[in-house]
Amino acid sequence: MIIDKKKAVNILITLVITFVIFLIIQSLITRNTNLDLKNKKQNYIEFIRIKQDDNLEERTRRLPDKPPQPKRPPQPEVELDDTKPPPMQNLDIDIPDFDVPTDFKGAFLGDISNLGSGTSNLIPLVKIAPRCPPEAALAGTNGEVLLNLLVNSLGRVEEIKLVKANPPRVFNREATKAVRRWQFKPKTIDGVAVEQRGELKVEFICNV
């Protein structure tokens, strides 16, 4: 009987241990299953299809208006007193005494009334009086220079040729220099301005 009781106790203990092990395994399985379900719920992505709206409003982008430019302040008016002459400085300059006659009576400018005579149809509109050379003015020498001119359609001198000079090589340079600045009336043919060529005599009166 004693042996039977020991066997029964051993069987009972074995059953209890087996049951406990079964419960432990069952709890582990249940726990892992719950974790898998939880992970599946977290990784679930829901796709929602949105219906496209065909009635879209178009917006026009408009640039902002430029700010108005600031007005400049008016400039202050400065009144100048023209009645008072500017102060002059007193300059002490020793002028040497040259024994040279200075009463030429316009000899360096010559006589404008006799300028521009010639045998062509050149009509001067603007005359520049030539200067008498200093040596001719001191000596009181008069003379004349005959020039051949080419005048363009604007009335300006394009070309100057020396025809003759009396006396030679005295007034050539001053006559050419002055006549090059003259303005002539353009020649017209059927209402159209054209070039013209003609001779012009420049007289020098330096003994006035």
N, C-alpha and C. Protein backbone atom coordinates (compact mmCIF):
# COMPACT_ATOMS: atom_id res chain seq x y z
N MET A 1 0.83 -1.21 0.00
CA MET A 1 0.00 0.00 0.00
C MET A 1 0.86 1.25 0.00
N ILE A 2 1.97 1.10 0.76
CA ILE A 2 2.86 2.27 0.82
C ILE A 2 3.44 2.56 -0.54
N ILE A 3 3.77 1.52 -1.29
CA ILE A 3 4.34 1.69 -2.62
C ILE A 3 3.32 2.29 -3.54
N ASP A 4 2.09 1.89 -3.42
CA ASP A 4 1.04 2.44 -4.29
C ASP A 4 0.82 3.92 -4.01
N LYS A 5 0.93 4.31 -2.74
CA LYS A 5 0.76 5.72 -2.41
C LYS A 5 1.89 6.57 -3.01
N LYS A 6 3.10 6.05 -2.96
CA LYS A 6 4.24 6.80 -3.53
C LYS A 6 4.07 6.97 -5.03
N LYS A 7 3.61 5.92 -5.69
CA LYS A 7 3.40 6.01 -7.12
C LYS A 7 2.33 7.04 -7.45
N ALA A 8 1.29 7.02 -6.62
CA ALA A 8 0.20 7.96 -6.88
C ALA A 8 0.67 9.40 -6.69
N VAL A 9 1.52 9.60 -5.64
CA VAL A 9 2.05 10.96 -5.40
C VAL A 9 2.94 11.39 -6.55
N ASN A 10 3.78 10.48 -7.01
CA ASN A 10 4.68 10.82 -8.12
C ASN A 10 3.89 11.15 -9.39
N ILE A 11 2.86 10.38 -9.63
CA ILE A 11 2.04 10.63 -10.82
C ILE A 11 1.36 11.99 -10.71
N LEU A 12 0.89 12.28 -9.48
CA LEU A 12 0.21 13.56 -9.28
C LEU A 12 1.17 14.73 -9.49
N ILE A 13 2.37 14.59 -8.94
CA ILE A 13 3.37 15.67 -9.11
C ILE A 13 3.73 15.84 -10.58
N THR A 14 3.85 14.73 -11.27
CA THR A 14 4.19 14.80 -12.70
C THR A 14 3.09 15.50 -13.48
N LEU A 15 1.84 15.19 -13.13
CA LEU A 15 0.73 15.83 -13.82
C LEU A 15 0.70 17.34 -13.56
N VAL A 16 0.99 17.69 -12.28
CA VAL A 16 0.99 19.13 -11.94
C VAL A 16 2.08 19.86 -12.71
N ILE A 17 3.26 19.24 -12.73
CA ILE A 17 4.38 19.89 -13.45
C ILE A 17 4.06 20.01 -14.93
N THR A 18 3.48 18.95 -15.47
CA THR A 18 3.13 18.97 -16.90
C THR A 18 2.11 20.06 -17.18
N PHE A 19 1.13 20.18 -16.27
CA PHE A 19 0.10 21.19 -16.47
C PHE A 19 0.70 22.61 -16.39
N VAL A 20 1.62 22.79 -15.42
CA VAL A 20 2.26 24.11 -15.30
C VAL A 20 3.06 24.44 -16.56
N ILE A 21 3.79 23.44 -17.05
CA ILE A 21 4.57 23.68 -18.28
C ILE A 21 3.65 24.02 -19.45
N PHE A 22 2.53 23.32 -19.51
CA PHE A 22 1.56 23.59 -20.57
C PHE A 22 1.03 25.01 -20.49
N LEU A 23 0.75 25.45 -19.24
CA LEU A 23 0.25 26.82 -19.08
C LEU A 23 1.31 27.85 -19.51
N ILE A 24 2.55 27.55 -19.15
CA ILE A 24 3.62 28.50 -19.54
C ILE A 24 3.75 28.58 -21.06
N ILE A 25 3.74 27.43 -21.70
CA ILE A 25 3.85 27.41 -23.18
C ILE A 25 2.66 28.11 -23.82
N GLN A 26 1.47 27.86 -23.23
CA GLN A 26 0.27 28.48 -23.78
C GLN A 26 0.31 30.01 -23.65
N SER A 27 0.83 30.46 -22.51
CA SER A 27 0.92 31.93 -22.33
C SER A 27 1.92 32.56 -23.29
N LEU A 28 3.02 31.84 -23.55
CA LEU A 28 4.01 32.36 -24.50
C LEU A 28 3.44 32.43 -25.91
N ILE A 29 2.72 31.39 -26.29
CA ILE A 29 2.12 31.38 -27.63
C ILE A 29 1.10 32.51 -27.78
N THR A 30 0.29 32.68 -26.74
CA THR A 30 -0.73 33.75 -26.79
C THR A 30 -0.08 35.13 -26.86
N ARG A 31 1.00 35.31 -26.14
CA ARG A 31 1.71 36.60 -26.14
C ARG A 31 2.30 36.91 -27.51
N ASN A 32 2.93 35.90 -28.11
CA ASN A 32 3.51 36.12 -29.44
C ASN A 32 2.43 36.42 -30.48
N THR A 33 1.29 35.76 -30.34
CA THR A 33 0.20 36.01 -31.29
C THR A 33 -0.31 37.44 -31.16
N ASN A 34 -0.44 37.92 -29.93
CA ASN A 34 -0.89 39.30 -29.73
C ASN A 34 0.10 40.31 -30.29
N LEU A 35 1.41 40.01 -30.12
CA LEU A 35 2.42 40.93 -30.67
C LEU A 35 2.36 40.97 -32.19
N ASP A 36 2.15 39.80 -32.81
CA ASP A 36 2.06 39.79 -34.28
C ASP A 36 0.86 40.57 -34.77
N LEU A 37 -0.27 40.41 -34.07
CA LEU A 37 -1.46 41.16 -34.48
C LEU A 37 -1.26 42.67 -34.30
N LYS A 38 -0.58 43.03 -33.23
CA LYS A 38 -0.33 44.45 -32.98
C LYS A 38 0.57 45.05 -34.05
N ASN A 39 1.61 44.29 -34.42
CA ASN A 39 2.53 44.77 -35.46
C ASN A 39 1.83 44.88 -36.81
N LYS A 40 0.95 43.93 -37.08
CA LYS A 40 0.21 43.99 -38.35
C LYS A 40 -0.69 45.21 -38.40
N LYS A 41 -1.30 45.56 -37.27
CA LYS A 41 -2.16 46.74 -37.24
C LYS A 41 -1.35 48.02 -37.45
N GLN A 42 -0.13 48.05 -36.89
CA GLN A 42 0.69 49.25 -37.04
C GLN A 42 1.20 49.41 -38.46
N ASN A 43 1.51 48.32 -39.15
CA ASN A 43 2.05 48.40 -40.50
C ASN A 43 0.99 48.49 -41.58
N TYR A 44 -0.24 48.55 -41.19
CA TYR A 44 -1.32 48.60 -42.16
C TYR A 44 -1.43 50.01 -42.74
N ILE A 45 -1.44 50.12 -44.08
CA ILE A 45 -1.55 51.40 -44.78
C ILE A 45 -2.88 51.43 -45.50
N GLU A 46 -3.60 52.46 -45.25
CA GLU A 46 -4.92 52.59 -45.86
C GLU A 46 -4.83 53.53 -47.05
N PHE A 47 -5.21 53.05 -48.21
CA PHE A 47 -5.22 53.84 -49.43
C PHE A 47 -6.62 54.37 -49.65
N ILE A 48 -6.69 55.69 -49.81
CA ILE A 48 -7.99 56.33 -50.04
C ILE A 48 -7.94 57.01 -51.38
N ARG A 49 -8.79 56.71 -52.24
CA ARG A 49 -8.85 57.31 -53.57
C ARG A 49 -9.71 58.56 -53.52
N ILE A 50 -9.10 59.65 -53.92
CA ILE A 50 -9.79 60.94 -53.89
C ILE A 50 -10.29 61.25 -55.28
N LYS A 51 -11.49 61.61 -55.36
CA LYS A 51 -12.10 61.96 -56.64
C LYS A 51 -11.60 63.33 -57.09
N GLN A 52 -11.09 63.37 -58.31
CA GLN A 52 -10.54 64.62 -58.84
C GLN A 52 -11.66 65.57 -59.22
N ASP A 53 -11.47 66.80 -58.78
CA ASP A 53 -12.47 67.82 -59.09
C ASP A 53 -12.13 68.48 -60.41
N ASP A 54 -13.03 68.35 -61.37
CA ASP A 54 -12.80 68.93 -62.70
C ASP A 54 -12.99 70.43 -62.74
N ASN A 55 -13.73 70.98 -61.81
CA ASN A 55 -14.01 72.42 -61.80
C ASN A 55 -12.95 73.13 -60.97
N LEU A 56 -11.82 73.37 -61.59
CA LEU A 56 -10.73 74.07 -60.91
C LEU A 56 -10.72 75.53 -61.32
N GLU A 57 -10.51 76.38 -60.38
CA GLU A 57 -10.47 77.81 -60.67
C GLU A 57 -9.04 78.22 -61.01
N GLU A 58 -8.91 78.92 -62.11
CA GLU A 58 -7.60 79.43 -62.52
C GLU A 58 -7.39 80.80 -61.89
N ARG A 59 -6.24 80.94 -61.28
CA ARG A 59 -5.89 82.20 -60.64
C ARG A 59 -4.80 82.90 -61.44
N THR A 60 -5.00 84.14 -61.70
CA THR A 60 -4.02 84.95 -62.44
C THR A 60 -3.18 85.73 -61.43
N ARG A 61 -1.90 85.50 -61.53
CA ARG A 61 -0.99 86.18 -60.61
C ARG A 61 -0.71 87.59 -61.12
N ARG A 62 -0.91 88.56 -60.31
CA ARG A 62 -0.73 89.95 -60.69
C ARG A 62 0.40 90.56 -59.89
N LEU A 63 1.27 91.22 -60.61
CA LEU A 63 2.38 91.87 -59.94
C LEU A 63 1.90 93.11 -59.19
N PRO A 64 2.49 93.36 -58.05
CA PRO A 64 2.07 94.57 -57.31
C PRO A 64 2.47 95.83 -58.05
N ASP A 65 1.68 96.86 -57.88
CA ASP A 65 1.98 98.15 -58.52
C ASP A 65 3.25 98.75 -57.95
N LYS A 66 3.99 99.42 -58.85
CA LYS A 66 5.22 100.07 -58.40
C LYS A 66 4.90 101.27 -57.52
N PRO A 67 5.67 101.44 -56.48
CA PRO A 67 5.41 102.61 -55.63
C PRO A 67 5.75 103.89 -56.38
N PRO A 68 5.05 104.95 -56.14
CA PRO A 68 5.34 106.22 -56.84
C PRO A 68 6.73 106.74 -56.50
N GLN A 69 7.35 107.34 -57.51
CA GLN A 69 8.68 107.90 -57.30
C GLN A 69 8.59 109.14 -56.41
N PRO A 70 9.51 109.24 -55.47
CA PRO A 70 9.48 110.44 -54.61
C PRO A 70 9.84 111.68 -55.40
N LYS A 71 9.16 112.74 -55.13
CA LYS A 71 9.42 114.00 -55.81
C LYS A 71 10.68 114.65 -55.27
N ARG A 72 11.47 115.16 -56.21
CA ARG A 72 12.69 115.85 -55.80
C ARG A 72 12.35 117.22 -55.23
N PRO A 73 13.03 117.59 -54.19
CA PRO A 73 12.77 118.93 -53.65
C PRO A 73 13.24 119.99 -54.62
N PRO A 74 12.56 121.09 -54.71
CA PRO A 74 12.98 122.15 -55.65
C PRO A 74 14.34 122.70 -55.28
N GLN A 75 15.09 123.00 -56.33
CA GLN A 75 16.42 123.56 -56.13
C GLN A 75 16.30 125.01 -55.64
N PRO A 76 17.08 125.34 -54.66
CA PRO A 76 17.02 126.74 -54.18
C PRO A 76 17.56 127.70 -55.23
N GLU A 77 16.87 128.77 -55.38
CA GLU A 77 17.29 129.79 -56.34
C GLU A 77 18.34 130.70 -55.70
N VAL A 78 19.41 130.86 -56.42
CA VAL A 78 20.50 131.71 -55.94
C VAL A 78 20.47 133.00 -56.73
N GLU A 79 20.30 134.06 -56.06
CA GLU A 79 20.26 135.36 -56.71
C GLU A 79 21.67 135.95 -56.75
N LEU A 80 22.08 136.31 -57.94
CA LEU A 80 23.39 136.91 -58.13
C LEU A 80 23.23 138.41 -58.30
N ASP A 81 24.03 139.11 -57.61
CA ASP A 81 24.00 140.57 -57.70
C ASP A 81 24.95 141.00 -58.81
N ASP A 82 24.36 141.33 -59.99
CA ASP A 82 25.18 141.73 -61.13
C ASP A 82 25.61 143.19 -61.06
N THR A 83 25.06 143.93 -60.10
CA THR A 83 25.39 145.35 -60.04
C THR A 83 26.78 145.59 -59.48
N LYS A 84 27.26 144.63 -58.65
CA LYS A 84 28.57 144.79 -58.05
C LYS A 84 29.60 144.03 -58.85
N PRO A 85 30.59 144.68 -59.39
CA PRO A 85 31.63 143.96 -60.14
C PRO A 85 32.50 143.16 -59.19
N PRO A 86 33.08 142.06 -59.67
CA PRO A 86 33.96 141.27 -58.81
C PRO A 86 35.19 142.06 -58.43
N PRO A 87 35.71 141.81 -57.25
CA PRO A 87 36.91 142.56 -56.82
C PRO A 87 38.10 142.22 -57.70
N MET A 88 38.85 143.21 -58.05
CA MET A 88 40.03 143.04 -58.88
C MET A 88 41.27 143.11 -58.00
N GLN A 89 42.19 142.23 -58.31
CA GLN A 89 43.44 142.23 -57.57
C GLN A 89 44.42 143.20 -58.21
N ASN A 90 45.12 143.88 -57.38
CA ASN A 90 46.14 144.81 -57.87
C ASN A 90 47.42 144.04 -58.15
N LEU A 91 47.78 143.98 -59.41
CA LEU A 91 48.98 143.26 -59.82
C LEU A 91 50.07 144.27 -60.14
N ASP A 92 51.15 144.14 -59.45
CA ASP A 92 52.29 145.02 -59.70
C ASP A 92 53.21 144.34 -60.70
N ILE A 93 53.09 144.73 -61.97
CA ILE A 93 53.89 144.14 -63.04
C ILE A 93 54.70 145.25 -63.69
N ASP A 94 55.97 145.01 -63.79
CA ASP A 94 56.84 145.97 -64.45
C ASP A 94 56.80 145.71 -65.95
N ILE A 95 56.24 146.65 -66.72
CA ILE A 95 56.14 146.52 -68.16
C ILE A 95 57.35 147.20 -68.79
N PRO A 96 58.13 146.45 -69.56
CA PRO A 96 59.31 147.08 -70.19
C PRO A 96 58.88 148.08 -71.25
N ASP A 97 59.71 149.02 -71.49
CA ASP A 97 59.43 150.10 -72.45
C ASP A 97 60.02 149.72 -73.80
N PHE A 98 59.14 149.30 -74.74
CA PHE A 98 59.57 148.96 -76.09
C PHE A 98 59.34 150.15 -76.99
N ASP A 99 60.30 150.43 -77.81
CA ASP A 99 60.18 151.54 -78.75
C ASP A 99 59.61 151.02 -80.07
N VAL A 100 58.31 150.60 -80.03
CA VAL A 100 57.64 150.05 -81.20
C VAL A 100 56.35 150.82 -81.40
N PRO A 101 56.05 151.28 -82.61
CA PRO A 101 54.79 152.00 -82.83
C PRO A 101 53.61 151.06 -82.65
N THR A 102 52.60 151.54 -81.94
CA THR A 102 51.41 150.72 -81.67
C THR A 102 50.16 151.27 -82.32
N ASP A 103 50.21 152.36 -83.02
CA ASP A 103 49.03 152.94 -83.65
C ASP A 103 48.90 152.40 -85.07
N PHE A 104 48.33 151.14 -85.15
CA PHE A 104 48.16 150.52 -86.47
C PHE A 104 46.78 150.81 -87.07
N LYS A 105 45.83 151.30 -86.25
CA LYS A 105 44.48 151.64 -86.71
C LYS A 105 43.82 150.47 -87.44
N GLY A 106 43.83 149.30 -86.80
CA GLY A 106 43.14 148.14 -87.38
C GLY A 106 43.88 147.49 -88.51
N ALA A 107 45.20 147.67 -88.59
CA ALA A 107 45.94 147.11 -89.71
C ALA A 107 45.94 145.59 -89.68
N PHE A 108 45.84 144.97 -88.48
CA PHE A 108 45.87 143.51 -88.41
C PHE A 108 44.58 142.88 -88.89
N LEU A 109 43.51 143.63 -88.99
CA LEU A 109 42.24 143.09 -89.47
C LEU A 109 41.99 143.42 -90.93
N GLY A 110 42.67 144.35 -91.49
CA GLY A 110 42.46 144.70 -92.88
C GLY A 110 41.16 145.45 -93.07
N ASP A 111 40.71 145.53 -94.31
CA ASP A 111 39.49 146.25 -94.65
C ASP A 111 38.44 145.23 -95.10
N ILE A 112 37.35 145.08 -94.32
CA ILE A 112 36.33 144.08 -94.62
C ILE A 112 35.50 144.49 -95.83
N SER A 113 35.38 145.76 -96.11
CA SER A 113 34.49 146.20 -97.19
C SER A 113 34.94 145.71 -98.55
N ASN A 114 36.23 145.46 -98.72
CA ASN A 114 36.73 145.02 -100.02
C ASN A 114 36.92 143.51 -100.10
N LEU A 115 36.44 142.76 -99.10
CA LEU A 115 36.62 141.32 -99.12
C LEU A 115 35.60 140.67 -100.04
N GLY A 116 36.02 139.59 -100.69
CA GLY A 116 35.08 138.76 -101.42
C GLY A 116 34.78 139.22 -102.82
N SER A 117 35.56 140.04 -103.42
CA SER A 117 35.32 140.41 -104.82
C SER A 117 35.91 139.34 -105.72
N GLY A 118 35.29 139.11 -106.87
CA GLY A 118 35.78 138.09 -107.78
C GLY A 118 35.00 138.12 -109.08
N THR A 119 35.31 137.15 -109.93
CA THR A 119 34.69 137.10 -111.25
C THR A 119 33.70 135.95 -111.38
N SER A 120 33.31 135.30 -110.27
CA SER A 120 32.41 134.15 -110.32
C SER A 120 31.08 134.51 -109.68
N ASN A 121 30.21 133.49 -109.59
CA ASN A 121 28.89 133.68 -108.99
C ASN A 121 28.87 133.29 -107.51
N LEU A 122 30.01 133.20 -106.86
CA LEU A 122 30.06 132.88 -105.44
C LEU A 122 29.51 134.05 -104.64
N ILE A 123 28.51 133.76 -103.81
CA ILE A 123 27.87 134.80 -102.99
C ILE A 123 28.17 134.49 -101.53
N PRO A 124 29.07 135.26 -100.89
CA PRO A 124 29.38 135.00 -99.48
C PRO A 124 28.21 135.39 -98.58
N LEU A 125 27.89 134.52 -97.63
CA LEU A 125 26.89 134.82 -96.60
C LEU A 125 27.55 135.18 -95.27
N VAL A 126 28.65 134.53 -94.97
CA VAL A 126 29.40 134.80 -93.74
C VAL A 126 30.84 135.05 -94.13
N LYS A 127 31.37 136.21 -93.71
CA LYS A 127 32.75 136.57 -94.02
C LYS A 127 33.56 136.67 -92.73
N ILE A 128 34.75 136.10 -92.75
CA ILE A 128 35.70 136.22 -91.65
C ILE A 128 36.87 137.06 -92.17
N ALA A 129 37.07 138.22 -91.55
CA ALA A 129 38.12 139.13 -92.02
C ALA A 129 39.49 138.53 -91.76
N PRO A 130 40.36 138.49 -92.76
CA PRO A 130 41.71 137.98 -92.54
C PRO A 130 42.56 138.99 -91.78
N ARG A 131 43.58 138.49 -91.10
CA ARG A 131 44.50 139.35 -90.37
C ARG A 131 45.68 139.71 -91.27
N CYS A 132 46.07 140.95 -91.18
CA CYS A 132 47.29 141.35 -91.88
C CYS A 132 48.49 140.78 -91.13
N PRO A 133 49.43 140.19 -91.83
CA PRO A 133 50.64 139.70 -91.16
C PRO A 133 51.35 140.86 -90.45
N PRO A 134 51.99 140.61 -89.32
CA PRO A 134 52.65 141.70 -88.57
C PRO A 134 53.68 142.46 -89.40
N GLU A 135 54.46 141.73 -90.23
CA GLU A 135 55.48 142.43 -91.01
C GLU A 135 54.86 143.34 -92.05
N ALA A 136 53.70 142.91 -92.64
CA ALA A 136 53.04 143.77 -93.62
C ALA A 136 52.40 144.97 -92.94
N ALA A 137 51.87 144.78 -91.73
CA ALA A 137 51.26 145.90 -91.01
C ALA A 137 52.32 146.92 -90.60
N LEU A 138 53.48 146.44 -90.14
CA LEU A 138 54.55 147.37 -89.75
C LEU A 138 55.08 148.15 -90.95
N ALA A 139 55.16 147.46 -92.09
CA ALA A 139 55.69 148.12 -93.29
C ALA A 139 54.62 148.89 -94.05
N GLY A 140 53.33 148.70 -93.68
CA GLY A 140 52.25 149.37 -94.40
C GLY A 140 52.06 148.83 -95.80
N THR A 141 52.25 147.51 -95.97
CA THR A 141 52.16 146.89 -97.29
C THR A 141 50.74 146.42 -97.56
N ASN A 142 50.22 146.77 -98.73
CA ASN A 142 48.91 146.29 -99.16
C ASN A 142 49.11 145.18 -100.19
N GLY A 143 48.05 144.39 -100.42
CA GLY A 143 48.16 143.33 -101.40
C GLY A 143 46.83 142.66 -101.65
N GLU A 144 46.86 141.65 -102.50
CA GLU A 144 45.66 140.89 -102.82
C GLU A 144 46.04 139.45 -103.17
N VAL A 145 45.09 138.55 -102.94
CA VAL A 145 45.28 137.13 -103.22
C VAL A 145 44.07 136.64 -103.99
N LEU A 146 44.31 135.95 -105.12
CA LEU A 146 43.23 135.39 -105.93
C LEU A 146 43.19 133.88 -105.68
N LEU A 147 42.03 133.39 -105.22
CA LEU A 147 41.86 131.98 -104.87
C LEU A 147 40.80 131.34 -105.74
N ASN A 148 40.98 130.05 -106.02
CA ASN A 148 39.97 129.25 -106.72
C ASN A 148 39.34 128.31 -105.69
N LEU A 149 38.01 128.40 -105.53
CA LEU A 149 37.32 127.68 -104.46
C LEU A 149 36.38 126.63 -105.03
N LEU A 150 36.26 125.53 -104.29
CA LEU A 150 35.23 124.52 -104.55
C LEU A 150 34.29 124.53 -103.34
N VAL A 151 33.02 124.91 -103.59
CA VAL A 151 32.02 125.04 -102.53
C VAL A 151 31.02 123.89 -102.68
N ASN A 152 30.73 123.18 -101.59
CA ASN A 152 29.81 122.04 -101.66
C ASN A 152 28.36 122.50 -101.64
N SER A 153 27.44 121.53 -101.62
CA SER A 153 26.01 121.85 -101.68
C SER A 153 25.50 122.50 -100.41
N LEU A 154 26.28 122.46 -99.32
CA LEU A 154 25.88 123.12 -98.08
C LEU A 154 26.44 124.53 -97.98
N GLY A 155 27.21 124.95 -98.97
CA GLY A 155 27.78 126.30 -98.95
C GLY A 155 29.10 126.39 -98.21
N ARG A 156 29.73 125.26 -97.92
CA ARG A 156 31.01 125.27 -97.21
C ARG A 156 32.16 125.03 -98.19
N VAL A 157 33.31 125.59 -97.84
CA VAL A 157 34.48 125.50 -98.71
C VAL A 157 35.11 124.12 -98.56
N GLU A 158 35.23 123.41 -99.68
CA GLU A 158 35.82 122.08 -99.67
C GLU A 158 37.28 122.11 -100.13
N GLU A 159 37.60 123.00 -101.05
CA GLU A 159 38.95 123.00 -101.64
C GLU A 159 39.34 124.42 -101.98
N ILE A 160 40.61 124.76 -101.73
CA ILE A 160 41.14 126.10 -102.03
C ILE A 160 42.44 125.93 -102.82
N LYS A 161 42.51 126.61 -103.96
CA LYS A 161 43.73 126.62 -104.77
C LYS A 161 44.18 128.07 -104.98
N LEU A 162 45.48 128.28 -104.87
CA LEU A 162 46.03 129.62 -105.07
C LEU A 162 46.23 129.86 -106.57
N VAL A 163 45.65 130.97 -107.05
CA VAL A 163 45.81 131.34 -108.46
C VAL A 163 46.98 132.31 -108.61
N LYS A 164 46.95 133.41 -107.84
CA LYS A 164 48.08 134.34 -107.85
C LYS A 164 48.00 135.21 -106.61
N ALA A 165 49.13 135.81 -106.26
CA ALA A 165 49.19 136.68 -105.09
C ALA A 165 50.13 137.83 -105.38
N ASN A 166 49.77 139.01 -104.89
CA ASN A 166 50.58 140.21 -105.08
C ASN A 166 50.61 140.99 -103.76
N PRO A 167 51.77 141.09 -103.13
CA PRO A 167 53.07 140.47 -103.44
C PRO A 167 53.06 138.99 -103.12
N PRO A 168 53.96 138.22 -103.72
CA PRO A 168 53.96 136.76 -103.51
C PRO A 168 54.33 136.39 -102.07
N ARG A 169 53.67 135.33 -101.58
CA ARG A 169 53.99 134.66 -100.31
C ARG A 169 53.92 135.58 -99.10
N VAL A 170 53.15 136.65 -99.16
CA VAL A 170 53.00 137.54 -98.01
C VAL A 170 51.64 137.32 -97.33
N PHE A 171 50.58 137.27 -98.15
CA PHE A 171 49.23 137.16 -97.60
C PHE A 171 48.57 135.80 -97.88
N ASN A 172 49.31 134.85 -98.46
CA ASN A 172 48.70 133.58 -98.87
C ASN A 172 48.09 132.82 -97.67
N ARG A 173 48.86 132.69 -96.63
CA ARG A 173 48.41 131.88 -95.49
C ARG A 173 47.20 132.50 -94.81
N GLU A 174 47.23 133.80 -94.56
CA GLU A 174 46.11 134.45 -93.86
C GLU A 174 44.85 134.45 -94.72
N ALA A 175 45.00 134.61 -96.04
CA ALA A 175 43.83 134.59 -96.92
C ALA A 175 43.18 133.21 -96.93
N THR A 176 44.00 132.17 -97.05
CA THR A 176 43.46 130.80 -97.07
C THR A 176 42.81 130.45 -95.73
N LYS A 177 43.45 130.85 -94.64
CA LYS A 177 42.93 130.54 -93.30
C LYS A 177 41.57 131.19 -93.06
N ALA A 178 41.39 132.42 -93.53
CA ALA A 178 40.13 133.13 -93.31
C ALA A 178 39.02 132.61 -94.22
N VAL A 179 39.33 132.42 -95.52
CA VAL A 179 38.29 132.02 -96.48
C VAL A 179 37.79 130.60 -96.18
N ARG A 180 38.60 129.76 -95.60
CA ARG A 180 38.16 128.40 -95.28
C ARG A 180 37.00 128.41 -94.29
N ARG A 181 36.83 129.48 -93.54
CA ARG A 181 35.75 129.58 -92.55
C ARG A 181 34.54 130.34 -93.10
N TRP A 182 34.57 130.74 -94.36
CA TRP A 182 33.45 131.47 -94.94
C TRP A 182 32.29 130.53 -95.24
N GLN A 183 31.10 131.13 -95.33
CA GLN A 183 29.90 130.40 -95.71
C GLN A 183 29.30 131.08 -96.93
N PHE A 184 29.00 130.27 -97.97
CA PHE A 184 28.49 130.80 -99.22
C PHE A 184 27.05 130.32 -99.45
N LYS A 185 26.36 131.05 -100.31
CA LYS A 185 25.01 130.66 -100.69
C LYS A 185 25.09 129.47 -101.64
N PRO A 186 24.42 128.35 -101.33
CA PRO A 186 24.50 127.17 -102.20
C PRO A 186 23.90 127.46 -103.57
N LYS A 187 24.51 126.87 -104.58
CA LYS A 187 23.99 126.98 -105.94
C LYS A 187 22.93 125.90 -106.15
N THR A 188 21.81 126.29 -106.77
CA THR A 188 20.71 125.34 -106.98
C THR A 188 20.43 125.21 -108.47
N ILE A 189 20.15 123.97 -108.88
CA ILE A 189 19.73 123.67 -110.25
C ILE A 189 18.45 122.86 -110.16
N ASP A 190 17.36 123.42 -110.68
CA ASP A 190 16.03 122.79 -110.60
C ASP A 190 15.65 122.50 -109.15
N GLY A 191 16.00 123.44 -108.27
CA GLY A 191 15.63 123.30 -106.87
C GLY A 191 16.52 122.38 -106.06
N VAL A 192 17.61 121.87 -106.65
CA VAL A 192 18.52 120.95 -105.96
C VAL A 192 19.87 121.64 -105.78
N ALA A 193 20.39 121.65 -104.54
CA ALA A 193 21.68 122.28 -104.26
C ALA A 193 22.80 121.40 -104.82
N VAL A 194 23.76 122.05 -105.50
CA VAL A 194 24.88 121.34 -106.12
C VAL A 194 26.17 122.06 -105.77
N GLU A 195 27.30 121.40 -106.09
CA GLU A 195 28.60 122.02 -105.89
C GLU A 195 28.82 123.12 -106.92
N GLN A 196 29.71 124.03 -106.56
CA GLN A 196 30.06 125.10 -107.49
C GLN A 196 31.53 125.47 -107.29
N ARG A 197 32.12 125.96 -108.33
CA ARG A 197 33.51 126.38 -108.29
C ARG A 197 33.61 127.79 -108.85
N GLY A 198 34.48 128.58 -108.24
CA GLY A 198 34.65 129.96 -108.71
C GLY A 198 35.89 130.58 -108.10
N GLU A 199 36.23 131.76 -108.58
CA GLU A 199 37.41 132.48 -108.10
C GLU A 199 36.98 133.61 -107.17
N LEU A 200 37.83 133.85 -106.18
CA LEU A 200 37.55 134.86 -105.17
C LEU A 200 38.83 135.65 -104.90
N LYS A 201 38.71 136.98 -104.93
CA LYS A 201 39.87 137.84 -104.67
C LYS A 201 39.73 138.46 -103.28
N VAL A 202 40.78 138.29 -102.49
CA VAL A 202 40.81 138.83 -101.13
C VAL A 202 41.85 139.94 -101.11
N GLU A 203 41.42 141.15 -100.74
CA GLU A 203 42.31 142.31 -100.70
C GLU A 203 42.73 142.60 -99.27
N PHE A 204 43.99 142.97 -99.10
CA PHE A 204 44.56 143.34 -97.81
C PHE A 204 44.97 144.81 -97.87
N ILE A 205 44.39 145.61 -96.97
CA ILE A 205 44.76 147.02 -96.85
C ILE A 205 45.32 147.20 -95.44
N CYS A 206 46.62 147.24 -95.35
CA CYS A 206 47.29 147.25 -94.05
C CYS A 206 47.93 148.60 -93.72
N ASN A 207 47.79 149.60 -94.58
CA ASN A 207 48.42 150.90 -94.30
C ASN A 207 47.42 151.91 -93.78
N VAL A 208 46.34 151.44 -93.15
CA VAL A 208 45.33 152.37 -92.63
C VAL A 208 45.75 152.88 -91.27
